[in-house]
Amino acid sequence: MPDPPAREPTPFQQEIATKAARKLRARRSAAGVWFGLGMTGLIGWSVVVPTLLGVAAGIWVDSHYPGGHSWTLMLLVIGLLLGCLNAWHWVSKEDREMRAAQEDDHE
């Protein structure tokens, strides 16, 4: 006896299958609360480290070459700007990856 012809899945069945696949992919990629906390820490350190390096370099320059300008303050601002650019880079990279994953889910 031949098998009955396969029926097309209903839109509801397709939606359930898509959501189930997305959920399984999310579990495999370990995205979640810990991933979010890790990204927050990474972004924080990417700002703090250049800022502190700028302060340390500024203190050293001020102690070895005293002058009318505060190198500590100037290098602090430069370090902070570099740290913010670095954080922006990480956030935009993660945003692009999340958008690409969402587009894959909708296809």
Protein backbone atom coordinates (compact mmCIF):
# COMPACT_ATOMS: atom_id res chain seq x y z
CA MET A 1 0.00 0.00 0.00
CA PRO A 2 1.57 3.31 -1.02
CA ASP A 3 2.22 6.05 1.52
CA PRO A 4 -0.28 8.90 1.54
CA PRO A 5 0.99 12.09 -0.06
CA ALA A 6 2.71 14.51 2.34
CA ARG A 7 0.63 17.54 3.18
CA GLU A 8 2.00 21.05 3.24
CA PRO A 9 2.55 22.31 6.79
CA THR A 10 0.10 24.94 7.93
CA PRO A 11 1.35 28.45 8.78
CA PHE A 12 0.86 27.60 12.46
CA GLN A 13 3.02 24.48 12.12
CA GLN A 14 5.71 26.48 10.32
CA GLU A 15 5.70 29.11 13.06
CA ILE A 16 6.05 26.46 15.78
CA ALA A 17 8.90 24.77 13.90
CA THR A 18 10.70 28.10 13.46
CA LYS A 19 10.35 28.97 17.16
CA ALA A 20 11.55 25.53 18.22
CA ALA A 21 14.60 25.77 15.96
CA ARG A 22 15.39 29.26 17.31
CA LYS A 23 15.12 28.00 20.88
CA LEU A 24 17.45 25.08 20.20
CA ARG A 25 19.95 27.39 18.48
CA ALA A 26 19.86 29.79 21.46
CA ARG A 27 20.56 26.94 23.87
CA ARG A 28 23.50 25.77 21.75
CA SER A 29 25.00 29.22 21.43
CA ALA A 30 24.89 29.71 25.23
CA ALA A 31 23.31 33.13 24.84
CA GLY A 32 21.48 34.23 27.92
CA VAL A 33 21.94 35.99 31.20
CA TRP A 34 25.57 34.94 31.64
CA PHE A 35 26.40 35.97 28.10
CA GLY A 36 24.83 39.39 28.69
CA LEU A 37 26.74 39.85 31.94
CA GLY A 38 29.95 38.83 30.22
CA MET A 39 29.38 41.35 27.44
CA THR A 40 28.67 44.07 30.01
CA GLY A 41 31.94 43.25 31.74
CA LEU A 42 33.82 43.20 28.46
CA ILE A 43 32.43 46.58 27.46
CA GLY A 44 33.22 48.01 30.90
CA TRP A 45 36.81 46.81 30.82
CA SER A 46 37.26 48.02 27.26
CA VAL A 47 36.54 51.55 28.56
CA VAL A 48 38.32 51.33 31.92
CA VAL A 49 41.65 49.93 30.76
CA PRO A 50 42.51 52.63 28.18
CA THR A 51 41.32 55.32 30.62
CA LEU A 52 43.55 54.04 33.42
CA LEU A 53 46.48 53.63 31.05
CA GLY A 54 45.99 57.24 29.97
CA VAL A 55 45.96 58.40 33.60
CA ALA A 56 49.10 56.38 34.43
CA ALA A 57 50.92 57.72 31.37
CA GLY A 58 49.78 61.26 32.22
CA ILE A 59 51.05 61.01 35.80
CA TRP A 60 54.39 59.72 34.55
CA VAL A 61 54.71 62.52 31.97
CA ASP A 62 53.69 65.17 34.52
CA SER A 63 56.25 63.91 37.05
CA HIS A 64 59.12 63.76 34.53
CA TYR A 65 58.29 66.84 32.43
CA PRO A 66 56.45 69.40 34.56
CA GLY A 67 54.84 72.19 32.61
CA GLY A 68 51.86 74.44 32.30
CA HIS A 69 49.53 71.74 30.97
CA SER A 70 48.12 68.75 32.83
CA TRP A 71 49.11 65.70 30.83
CA THR A 72 47.18 63.53 33.28
CA LEU A 73 43.90 65.21 32.43
CA MET A 74 44.62 65.29 28.70
CA LEU A 75 45.61 61.62 28.52
CA LEU A 76 42.66 60.66 30.73
CA VAL A 77 40.29 62.20 28.17
CA ILE A 78 42.14 60.58 25.26
CA GLY A 79 42.04 57.18 27.03
CA LEU A 80 38.35 57.60 27.74
CA LEU A 81 37.62 58.45 24.10
CA LEU A 82 39.63 55.46 22.89
CA GLY A 83 37.82 53.22 25.39
CA CYS A 84 34.42 54.46 24.24
CA LEU A 85 35.36 53.86 20.60
CA ASN A 86 36.49 50.37 21.54
CA ALA A 87 33.21 49.68 23.37
CA TRP A 88 31.22 51.03 20.43
CA HIS A 89 33.12 48.65 18.15
CA TRP A 90 32.23 45.63 20.34
CA VAL A 91 28.57 46.62 20.66
CA SER A 92 28.15 47.21 16.93
CA LYS A 93 29.84 43.89 16.15
CA GLU A 94 27.49 42.01 18.48
CA ASP A 95 24.49 43.90 17.08
CA ARG A 96 25.43 42.90 13.52
CA GLU A 97 25.79 39.26 14.58
CA MET A 98 22.41 39.27 16.37
CA ARG A 99 20.68 40.89 13.39
CA ALA A 100 22.23 38.31 11.05
CA ALA A 101 20.99 35.51 13.31
CA GLN A 102 17.49 37.02 13.37
CA GLU A 103 17.44 37.30 9.59
CA ASP A 104 18.46 33.63 9.38
CA ASP A 105 15.56 32.75 11.70
CA HIS A 106 13.04 34.60 9.52
CA GLU A 107 14.11 32.88 6.32
